[in-house]
Amino acid sequence: MTDGAAALYGTDAVAEVVNMIPYRSFDDFKIDAYEEQDSRGDFWRRETSFLADRSFGDVDIVLAGSYNANDTLSWHDRPEYVLPD
């Protein structure tokens, strides 16, 4: 960052952009599931989310939720990164 934020966060600051595209109309139920695991099998992460919307005339009822679960890495899972050179 080269603007005023660099003075606050330093020159190594990283900027992020999040694009949100809202639904104009959604009258359905949607479930998304995501899972990842590393090649060693000692770390995993799962995420499940849902979105439900129902219109009753001029009234829209929206229900959304998300559940995340992940395993934690311990020092003994990756000892080669803990030991000094």
PDB file of N, CA and C in Angstrom:
ATOM      1  N   MET A   1       0.838  -1.170   0.000  1.00  0.00           N
ATOM      2  CA  MET A   1       0.000   0.000   0.000  1.00  0.00           C
ATOM      3  C   MET A   1       0.886   1.236   0.000  1.00  0.00           C
ATOM      4  N   THR A   2       0.541   2.157  -0.801  1.00  0.00           N
ATOM      5  CA  THR A   2       1.347   3.372  -0.883  1.00  0.00           C
ATOM      6  C   THR A   2       0.596   4.592  -0.388  1.00  0.00           C
ATOM      7  N   ASP A   3      -0.650   4.435   0.009  1.00  0.00           N
ATOM      8  CA  ASP A   3      -1.416   5.600   0.470  1.00  0.00           C
ATOM      9  C   ASP A   3      -1.290   5.771   1.978  1.00  0.00           C
ATOM     10  N   GLY A   4      -2.202   6.473   2.598  1.00  0.00           N
ATOM     11  CA  GLY A   4      -2.138   6.765   4.027  1.00  0.00           C
ATOM     12  C   GLY A   4      -2.222   5.540   4.916  1.00  0.00           C
ATOM     13  N   ALA A   5      -2.783   4.447   4.404  1.00  0.00           N
ATOM     14  CA  ALA A   5      -2.880   3.234   5.210  1.00  0.00           C
ATOM     15  C   ALA A   5      -1.511   2.635   5.482  1.00  0.00           C
ATOM     16  N   ALA A   6      -0.528   2.905   4.614  1.00  0.00           N
ATOM     17  CA  ALA A   6       0.818   2.373   4.821  1.00  0.00           C
ATOM     18  C   ALA A   6       1.428   2.938   6.097  1.00  0.00           C
ATOM     19  N   ALA A   7       1.097   4.167   6.442  1.00  0.00           N
ATOM     20  CA  ALA A   7       1.621   4.755   7.671  1.00  0.00           C
ATOM     21  C   ALA A   7       1.060   4.051   8.894  1.00  0.00           C
ATOM     22  N   LEU A   8      -0.146   3.558   8.799  1.00  0.00           N
ATOM     23  CA  LEU A   8      -0.782   2.873   9.915  1.00  0.00           C
ATOM     24  C   LEU A   8      -0.384   1.400   9.987  1.00  0.00           C
ATOM     25  N   TYR A   9      -0.342   0.720   8.848  1.00  0.00           N
ATOM     26  CA  TYR A   9      -0.103  -0.712   8.820  1.00  0.00           C
ATOM     27  C   TYR A   9       1.307  -1.090   8.377  1.00  0.00           C
ATOM     28  N   GLY A  10       2.100  -0.175   7.904  1.00  0.00           N
ATOM     29  CA  GLY A  10       3.439  -0.488   7.429  1.00  0.00           C
ATOM     30  C   GLY A  10       3.442  -0.755   5.938  1.00  0.00           C
ATOM     31  N   THR A  11       4.629  -0.810   5.365  1.00  0.00           N
ATOM     32  CA  THR A  11       4.742  -0.988   3.915  1.00  0.00           C
ATOM     33  C   THR A  11       4.456  -2.408   3.474  1.00  0.00           C
ATOM     34  N   ASP A  12       4.430  -3.359   4.412  1.00  0.00           N
ATOM     35  CA  ASP A  12       4.155  -4.757   4.071  1.00  0.00           C
ATOM     36  C   ASP A  12       2.669  -5.094   4.150  1.00  0.00           C
ATOM     37  N   ALA A  13       1.825  -4.098   4.314  1.00  0.00           N
ATOM     38  CA  ALA A  13       0.396  -4.342   4.427  1.00  0.00           C
ATOM     39  C   ALA A  13      -0.159  -4.899   3.121  1.00  0.00           C
ATOM     40  N   VAL A  14      -1.163  -5.732   3.252  1.00  0.00           N
ATOM     41  CA  VAL A  14      -1.797  -6.353   2.092  1.00  0.00           C
ATOM     42  C   VAL A  14      -3.255  -5.910   2.062  1.00  0.00           C
ATOM     43  N   ALA A  15      -3.721  -5.511   0.910  1.00  0.00           N
ATOM     44  CA  ALA A  15      -5.113  -5.088   0.767  1.00  0.00           C
ATOM     45  C   ALA A  15      -5.934  -6.242   0.216  1.00  0.00           C
ATOM     46  N   GLU A  16      -7.179  -6.347   0.674  1.00  0.00           N
ATOM     47  CA  GLU A  16      -8.099  -7.365   0.178  1.00  0.00           C
ATOM     48  C   GLU A  16      -9.349  -6.705  -0.348  1.00  0.00           C
ATOM     49  N   VAL A  17      -9.960  -7.351  -1.323  1.00  0.00           N
ATOM     50  CA  VAL A  17     -11.214  -6.875  -1.882  1.00  0.00           C
ATOM     51  C   VAL A  17     -12.205  -8.022  -1.807  1.00  0.00           C
ATOM     52  N   VAL A  18     -13.387  -7.732  -1.314  1.00  0.00           N
ATOM     53  CA  VAL A  18     -14.444  -8.731  -1.246  1.00  0.00           C
ATOM     54  C   VAL A  18     -15.578  -8.257  -2.136  1.00  0.00           C
ATOM     55  N   ASN A  19     -15.929  -9.062  -3.111  1.00  0.00           N
ATOM     56  CA  ASN A  19     -17.039  -8.741  -3.999  1.00  0.00           C
ATOM     57  C   ASN A  19     -18.275  -9.471  -3.514  1.00  0.00           C
ATOM     58  N   MET A  20     -19.287  -8.717  -3.165  1.00  0.00           N
ATOM     59  CA  MET A  20     -20.551  -9.304  -2.732  1.00  0.00           C
ATOM     60  C   MET A  20     -21.593  -9.045  -3.803  1.00  0.00           C
ATOM     61  N   ILE A  21     -22.197 -10.111  -4.273  1.00  0.00           N
ATOM     62  CA  ILE A  21     -23.243  -9.997  -5.287  1.00  0.00           C
ATOM     63  C   ILE A  21     -24.538 -10.479  -4.651  1.00  0.00           C
ATOM     64  N   PRO A  22     -25.429  -9.574  -4.296  1.00  0.00           N
ATOM     65  CA  PRO A  22     -26.674  -9.983  -3.631  1.00  0.00           C
ATOM     66  C   PRO A  22     -27.639 -10.640  -4.612  1.00  0.00           C
ATOM     67  N   TYR A  23     -28.459 -11.526  -4.084  1.00  0.00           N
ATOM     68  CA  TYR A  23     -29.527 -12.129  -4.878  1.00  0.00           C
ATOM     69  C   TYR A  23     -30.635 -11.102  -5.049  1.00  0.00           C
ATOM     70  N   ARG A  24     -31.116 -10.933  -6.251  1.00  0.00           N
ATOM     71  CA  ARG A  24     -32.253 -10.039  -6.476  1.00  0.00           C
ATOM     72  C   ARG A  24     -33.550 -10.751  -6.090  1.00  0.00           C
ATOM     73  N   SER A  25     -33.595 -12.024  -6.366  1.00  0.00           N
ATOM     74  CA  SER A  25     -34.766 -12.815  -6.018  1.00  0.00           C
ATOM     75  C   SER A  25     -34.311 -14.248  -5.800  1.00  0.00           C
ATOM     76  N   PHE A  26     -34.702 -14.815  -4.684  1.00  0.00           N
ATOM     77  CA  PHE A  26     -34.318 -16.183  -4.372  1.00  0.00           C
ATOM     78  C   PHE A  26     -35.451 -16.800  -3.586  1.00  0.00           C
ATOM     79  N   ASP A  27     -36.115 -17.755  -4.163  1.00  0.00           N
ATOM     80  CA  ASP A  27     -37.243 -18.417  -3.507  1.00  0.00           C
ATOM     81  C   ASP A  27     -36.980 -19.910  -3.564  1.00  0.00           C
ATOM     82  N   ASP A  28     -36.021 -20.341  -2.742  1.00  0.00           N
ATOM     83  CA  ASP A  28     -35.554 -21.720  -2.837  1.00  0.00           C
ATOM     84  C   ASP A  28     -34.783 -22.077  -1.573  1.00  0.00           C
ATOM     85  N   PHE A  29     -34.145 -23.228  -1.586  1.00  0.00           N
ATOM     86  CA  PHE A  29     -33.291 -23.703  -0.493  1.00  0.00           C
ATOM     87  C   PHE A  29     -31.977 -24.158  -1.112  1.00  0.00           C
ATOM     88  N   LYS A  30     -30.868 -23.705  -0.562  1.00  0.00           N
ATOM     89  CA  LYS A  30     -29.560 -24.017  -1.136  1.00  0.00           C
ATOM     90  C   LYS A  30     -28.616 -24.470  -0.025  1.00  0.00           C
ATOM     91  N   ILE A  31     -27.878 -25.551  -0.274  1.00  0.00           N
ATOM     92  CA  ILE A  31     -26.874 -26.048   0.671  1.00  0.00           C
ATOM     93  C   ILE A  31     -25.535 -26.132  -0.058  1.00  0.00           C
ATOM     94  N   ASP A  32     -24.492 -25.608   0.570  1.00  0.00           N
ATOM     95  CA  ASP A  32     -23.127 -25.704   0.053  1.00  0.00           C
ATOM     96  C   ASP A  32     -22.276 -26.457   1.065  1.00  0.00           C
ATOM     97  N   ALA A  33     -21.445 -27.364   0.577  1.00  0.00           N
ATOM     98  CA  ALA A  33     -20.536 -28.109   1.439  1.00  0.00           C
ATOM     99  C   ALA A  33     -19.133 -28.027   0.848  1.00  0.00           C
ATOM    100  N   TYR A  34     -18.159 -27.840   1.723  1.00  0.00           N
ATOM    101  CA  TYR A  34     -16.768 -27.696   1.300  1.00  0.00           C
ATOM    102  C   TYR A  34     -15.896 -28.468   2.278  1.00  0.00           C
ATOM    103  N   GLU A  35     -14.938 -29.206   1.747  1.00  0.00           N
ATOM    104  CA  GLU A  35     -14.010 -29.956   2.593  1.00  0.00           C
ATOM    105  C   GLU A  35     -12.629 -29.920   1.970  1.00  0.00           C
ATOM    106  N   GLU A  36     -11.618 -29.767   2.808  1.00  0.00           N
ATOM    107  CA  GLU A  36     -10.239 -29.823   2.327  1.00  0.00           C
ATOM    108  C   GLU A  36      -9.381 -30.563   3.350  1.00  0.00           C
ATOM    109  N   GLN A  37      -8.323 -31.182   2.829  1.00  0.00           N
ATOM    110  CA  GLN A  37      -7.382 -31.916   3.671  1.00  0.00           C
ATOM    111  C   GLN A  37      -6.011 -31.812   3.017  1.00  0.00           C
ATOM    112  N   ASP A  38      -4.975 -31.738   3.851  1.00  0.00           N
ATOM    113  CA  ASP A  38      -3.637 -31.655   3.279  1.00  0.00           C
ATOM    114  C   ASP A  38      -3.170 -33.038   2.836  1.00  0.00           C
ATOM    115  N   SER A  39      -2.066 -33.083   2.109  1.00  0.00           N
ATOM    116  CA  SER A  39      -1.580 -34.337   1.535  1.00  0.00           C
ATOM    117  C   SER A  39      -1.082 -35.312   2.599  1.00  0.00           C
ATOM    118  N   ARG A  40      -0.713 -34.817   3.765  1.00  0.00           N
ATOM    119  CA  ARG A  40      -0.248 -35.703   4.841  1.00  0.00           C
ATOM    120  C   ARG A  40      -1.401 -36.329   5.624  1.00  0.00           C
ATOM    121  N   GLY A  41      -2.559 -35.724   5.550  1.00  0.00           N
ATOM    122  CA  GLY A  41      -3.711 -36.251   6.264  1.00  0.00           C
ATOM    123  C   GLY A  41      -3.771 -35.848   7.726  1.00  0.00           C
ATOM    124  N   ASP A  42      -2.930 -34.893   8.149  1.00  0.00           N
ATOM    125  CA  ASP A  42      -2.952 -34.502   9.558  1.00  0.00           C
ATOM    126  C   ASP A  42      -3.685 -33.192   9.804  1.00  0.00           C
ATOM    127  N   PHE A  43      -4.318 -32.628   8.783  1.00  0.00           N
ATOM    128  CA  PHE A  43      -5.137 -31.433   8.950  1.00  0.00           C
ATOM    129  C   PHE A  43      -6.310 -31.510   7.995  1.00  0.00           C
ATOM    130  N   TRP A  44      -7.498 -31.130   8.470  1.00  0.00           N
ATOM    131  CA  TRP A  44      -8.686 -31.093   7.634  1.00  0.00           C
ATOM    132  C   TRP A  44      -9.572 -29.938   8.062  1.00  0.00           C
ATOM    133  N   ARG A  45     -10.439 -29.513   7.134  1.00  0.00           N
ATOM    134  CA  ARG A  45     -11.391 -28.436   7.404  1.00  0.00           C
ATOM    135  C   ARG A  45     -12.670 -28.719   6.639  1.00  0.00           C
ATOM    136  N   ARG A  46     -13.810 -28.520   7.300  1.00  0.00           N
ATOM    137  CA  ARG A  46     -15.119 -28.718   6.671  1.00  0.00           C
ATOM    138  C   ARG A  46     -15.989 -27.493   6.922  1.00  0.00           C
ATOM    139  N   GLU A  47     -16.755 -27.137   5.908  1.00  0.00           N
ATOM    140  CA  GLU A  47     -17.694 -26.026   6.037  1.00  0.00           C
ATOM    141  C   GLU A  47     -18.991 -26.392   5.334  1.00  0.00           C
ATOM    142  N   THR A  48     -20.092 -26.167   6.007  1.00  0.00           N
ATOM    143  CA  THR A  48     -21.410 -26.393   5.441  1.00  0.00           C
ATOM    144  C   THR A  48     -22.234 -25.141   5.677  1.00  0.00           C
ATOM    145  N   SER A  49     -22.914 -24.672   4.646  1.00  0.00           N
ATOM    146  CA  SER A  49     -23.749 -23.488   4.791  1.00  0.00           C
ATOM    147  C   SER A  49     -25.060 -23.691   4.046  1.00  0.00           C
ATOM    148  N   PHE A  50     -26.058 -22.928   4.455  1.00  0.00           N
ATOM    149  CA  PHE A  50     -27.353 -23.031   3.798  1.00  0.00           C
ATOM    150  C   PHE A  50     -27.986 -21.650   3.664  1.00  0.00           C
ATOM    151  N   LEU A  51     -28.883 -21.544   2.714  1.00  0.00           N
ATOM    152  CA  LEU A  51     -29.643 -20.329   2.472  1.00  0.00           C
ATOM    153  C   LEU A  51     -31.055 -20.734   2.076  1.00  0.00           C
ATOM    154  N   ALA A  52     -32.023 -20.189   2.767  1.00  0.00           N
ATOM    155  CA  ALA A  52     -33.423 -20.478   2.464  1.00  0.00           C
ATOM    156  C   ALA A  52     -34.187 -19.167   2.406  1.00  0.00           C
ATOM    157  N   ASP A  53     -35.058 -19.048   1.445  1.00  0.00           N
ATOM    158  CA  ASP A  53     -35.857 -17.835   1.297  1.00  0.00           C
ATOM    159  C   ASP A  53     -37.244 -18.232   0.809  1.00  0.00           C
ATOM    160  N   ARG A  54     -38.219 -17.582   1.383  1.00  0.00           N
ATOM    161  CA  ARG A  54     -39.600 -17.839   0.971  1.00  0.00           C
ATOM    162  C   ARG A  54     -40.342 -16.508   0.942  1.00  0.00           C
ATOM    163  N   SER A  55     -41.036 -16.262  -0.135  1.00  0.00           N
ATOM    164  CA  SER A  55     -41.799 -15.026  -0.286  1.00  0.00           C
ATOM    165  C   SER A  55     -43.271 -15.290  -0.023  1.00  0.00           C
ATOM    166  N   PHE A  56     -43.868 -14.426   0.782  1.00  0.00           N
ATOM    167  CA  PHE A  56     -45.295 -14.465   1.059  1.00  0.00           C
ATOM    168  C   PHE A  56     -45.856 -13.092   0.710  1.00  0.00           C
ATOM    169  N   GLY A  57     -46.212 -12.892  -0.542  1.00  0.00           N
ATOM    170  CA  GLY A  57     -46.692 -11.586  -0.981  1.00  0.00           C
ATOM    171  C   GLY A  57     -45.562 -10.573  -0.962  1.00  0.00           C
ATOM    172  N   ASP A  58     -45.720  -9.536  -0.162  1.00  0.00           N
ATOM    173  CA  ASP A  58     -44.686  -8.499  -0.053  1.00  0.00           C
ATOM    174  C   ASP A  58     -43.674  -8.800   1.044  1.00  0.00           C
ATOM    175  N   VAL A  59     -43.802  -9.935   1.716  1.00  0.00           N
ATOM    176  CA  VAL A  59     -42.911 -10.275   2.833  1.00  0.00           C
ATOM    177  C   VAL A  59     -41.960 -11.385   2.400  1.00  0.00           C
ATOM    178  N   ASP A  60     -40.673 -11.162   2.611  1.00  0.00           N
ATOM    179  CA  ASP A  60     -39.648 -12.181   2.349  1.00  0.00           C
ATOM    180  C   ASP A  60     -39.067 -12.635   3.673  1.00  0.00           C
ATOM    181  N   ILE A  61     -38.986 -13.934   3.853  1.00  0.00           N
ATOM    182  CA  ILE A  61     -38.356 -14.499   5.042  1.00  0.00           C
ATOM    183  C   ILE A  61     -37.093 -15.212   4.587  1.00  0.00           C
ATOM    184  N   VAL A  62     -35.956 -14.815   5.149  1.00  0.00           N
ATOM    185  CA  VAL A  62     -34.664 -15.373   4.770  1.00  0.00           C
ATOM    186  C   VAL A  62     -34.029 -16.003   5.991  1.00  0.00           C
ATOM    187  N   LEU A  63     -33.507 -17.207   5.812  1.00  0.00           N
ATOM    188  CA  LEU A  63     -32.808 -17.913   6.875  1.00  0.00           C
ATOM    189  C   LEU A  63     -31.491 -18.409   6.302  1.00  0.00           C
ATOM    190  N   ALA A  64     -30.395 -18.096   6.978  1.00  0.00           N
ATOM    191  CA  ALA A  64     -29.071 -18.508   6.511  1.00  0.00           C
ATOM    192  C   ALA A  64     -28.238 -18.942   7.702  1.00  0.00           C
ATOM    193  N   GLY A  65     -27.320 -19.855   7.455  1.00  0.00           N
ATOM    194  CA  GLY A  65     -26.445 -20.317   8.520  1.00  0.00           C
ATOM    195  C   GLY A  65     -25.220 -21.000   7.958  1.00  0.00           C
ATOM    196  N   SER A  66     -24.224 -21.169   8.819  1.00  0.00           N
ATOM    197  CA  SER A  66     -22.977 -21.798   8.408  1.00  0.00           C
ATOM    198  C   SER A  66     -22.377 -22.539   9.594  1.00  0.00           C
ATOM    199  N   TYR A  67     -21.747 -23.672   9.330  1.00  0.00           N
ATOM    200  CA  TYR A  67     -21.067 -24.454  10.362  1.00  0.00           C
ATOM    201  C   TYR A  67     -19.666 -24.782   9.859  1.00  0.00           C
ATOM    202  N   ASN A  68     -18.660 -24.496  10.668  1.00  0.00           N
ATOM    203  CA  ASN A  68     -17.268 -24.781  10.324  1.00  0.00           C
ATOM    204  C   ASN A  68     -16.667 -25.713  11.368  1.00  0.00           C
ATOM    205  N   ALA A  69     -15.881 -26.661  10.921  1.00  0.00           N
ATOM    206  CA  ALA A  69     -15.154 -27.556  11.817  1.00  0.00           C
ATOM    207  C   ALA A  69     -13.777 -27.798  11.213  1.00  0.00           C
ATOM    208  N   ASN A  70     -12.759 -27.780  12.054  1.00  0.00           N
ATOM    209  CA  ASN A  70     -11.423 -28.068  11.556  1.00  0.00           C
ATOM    210  C   ASN A  70     -10.578 -28.733  12.640  1.00  0.00           C
ATOM    211  N   ASP A  71      -9.599 -29.459  12.186  1.00  0.00           N
ATOM    212  CA  ASP A  71      -8.635 -30.116  13.050  1.00  0.00           C
ATOM    213  C   ASP A  71      -7.525 -29.114  13.356  1.00  0.00           C
ATOM    214  N   THR A  72      -6.831 -29.310  14.441  1.00  0.00           N
ATOM    215  CA  THR A  72      -5.722 -28.420  14.773  1.00  0.00           C
ATOM    216  C   THR A  72      -4.395 -29.134  14.556  1.00  0.00           C
ATOM    217  N   LEU A  73      -3.412 -28.388  14.139  1.00  0.00           N
ATOM    218  CA  LEU A  73      -2.063 -28.925  14.002  1.00  0.00           C
ATOM    219  C   LEU A  73      -1.326 -28.740  15.324  1.00  0.00           C
ATOM    220  N   SER A  74      -0.630 -29.763  15.743  1.00  0.00           N
ATOM    221  CA  SER A  74       0.179 -29.695  16.958  1.00  0.00           C
ATOM    222  C   SER A  74       1.650 -29.651  16.584  1.00  0.00           C
ATOM    223  N   TRP A  75       2.486 -29.319  17.554  1.00  0.00           N
ATOM    224  CA  TRP A  75       3.933 -29.274  17.304  1.00  0.00           C
ATOM    225  C   TRP A  75       4.444 -30.627  16.819  1.00  0.00           C
ATOM    226  N   HIS A  76       3.907 -31.706  17.350  1.00  0.00           N
ATOM    227  CA  HIS A  76       4.402 -33.038  16.956  1.00  0.00           C
ATOM    228  C   HIS A  76       3.912 -33.472  15.572  1.00  0.00           C
ATOM    229  N   ASP A  77       2.925 -32.778  15.007  1.00  0.00           N
ATOM    230  CA  ASP A  77       2.459 -33.104  13.657  1.00  0.00           C
ATOM    231  C   ASP A  77       3.468 -32.684  12.588  1.00  0.00           C
ATOM    232  N   ARG A  78       4.182 -31.595  12.829  1.00  0.00           N
ATOM    233  CA  ARG A  78       5.171 -31.078  11.869  1.00  0.00           C
ATOM    234  C   ARG A  78       6.474 -30.718  12.596  1.00  0.00           C
ATOM    235  N   PRO A  79       7.173 -31.701  13.142  1.00  0.00           N
ATOM    236  CA  PRO A  79       8.382 -31.403  13.936  1.00  0.00           C
ATOM    237  C   PRO A  79       9.507 -30.773  13.108  1.00  0.00           C
ATOM    238  N   GLU A  80       9.547 -31.009  11.794  1.00  0.00           N
ATOM    239  CA  GLU A  80      10.623 -30.450  10.980  1.00  0.00           C
ATOM    240  C   GLU A  80      10.564 -28.928  10.901  1.00  0.00           C
ATOM    241  N   TYR A  81       9.383 -28.347  11.177  1.00  0.00           N
ATOM    242  CA  TYR A  81       9.258 -26.893  11.154  1.00  0.00           C
ATOM    243  C   TYR A  81       9.538 -26.262  12.519  1.00  0.00           C
ATOM    244  N   VAL A  82       9.613 -27.071  13.542  1.00  0.00           N
ATOM    245  CA  VAL A  82       9.828 -26.568  14.910  1.00  0.00           C
ATOM    246  C   VAL A  82      11.315 -26.546  15.247  1.00  0.00           C
ATOM    247  N   LEU A  83      12.055 -27.509  14.748  1.00  0.00           N
ATOM    248  CA  LEU A  83      13.467 -27.621  15.079  1.00  0.00           C
ATOM    249  C   LEU A  83      14.290 -26.511  14.442  1.00  0.00           C
ATOM    250  N   PRO A  84      15.305 -25.997  15.161  1.00  0.00           N
ATOM    251  CA  PRO A  84      16.169 -24.963  14.572  1.00  0.00           C
ATOM    252  C   PRO A  84      17.056 -25.562  13.482  1.00  0.00           C
ATOM    253  N   ASP A  85      17.516 -24.714  12.592  1.00  0.00           N
ATOM    254  CA  ASP A  85      18.389 -25.177  11.493  1.00  0.00           C
ATOM    255  C   ASP A  85      19.746 -25.578  11.978  1.00  0.00           C
TER     256      ASP A  85
END
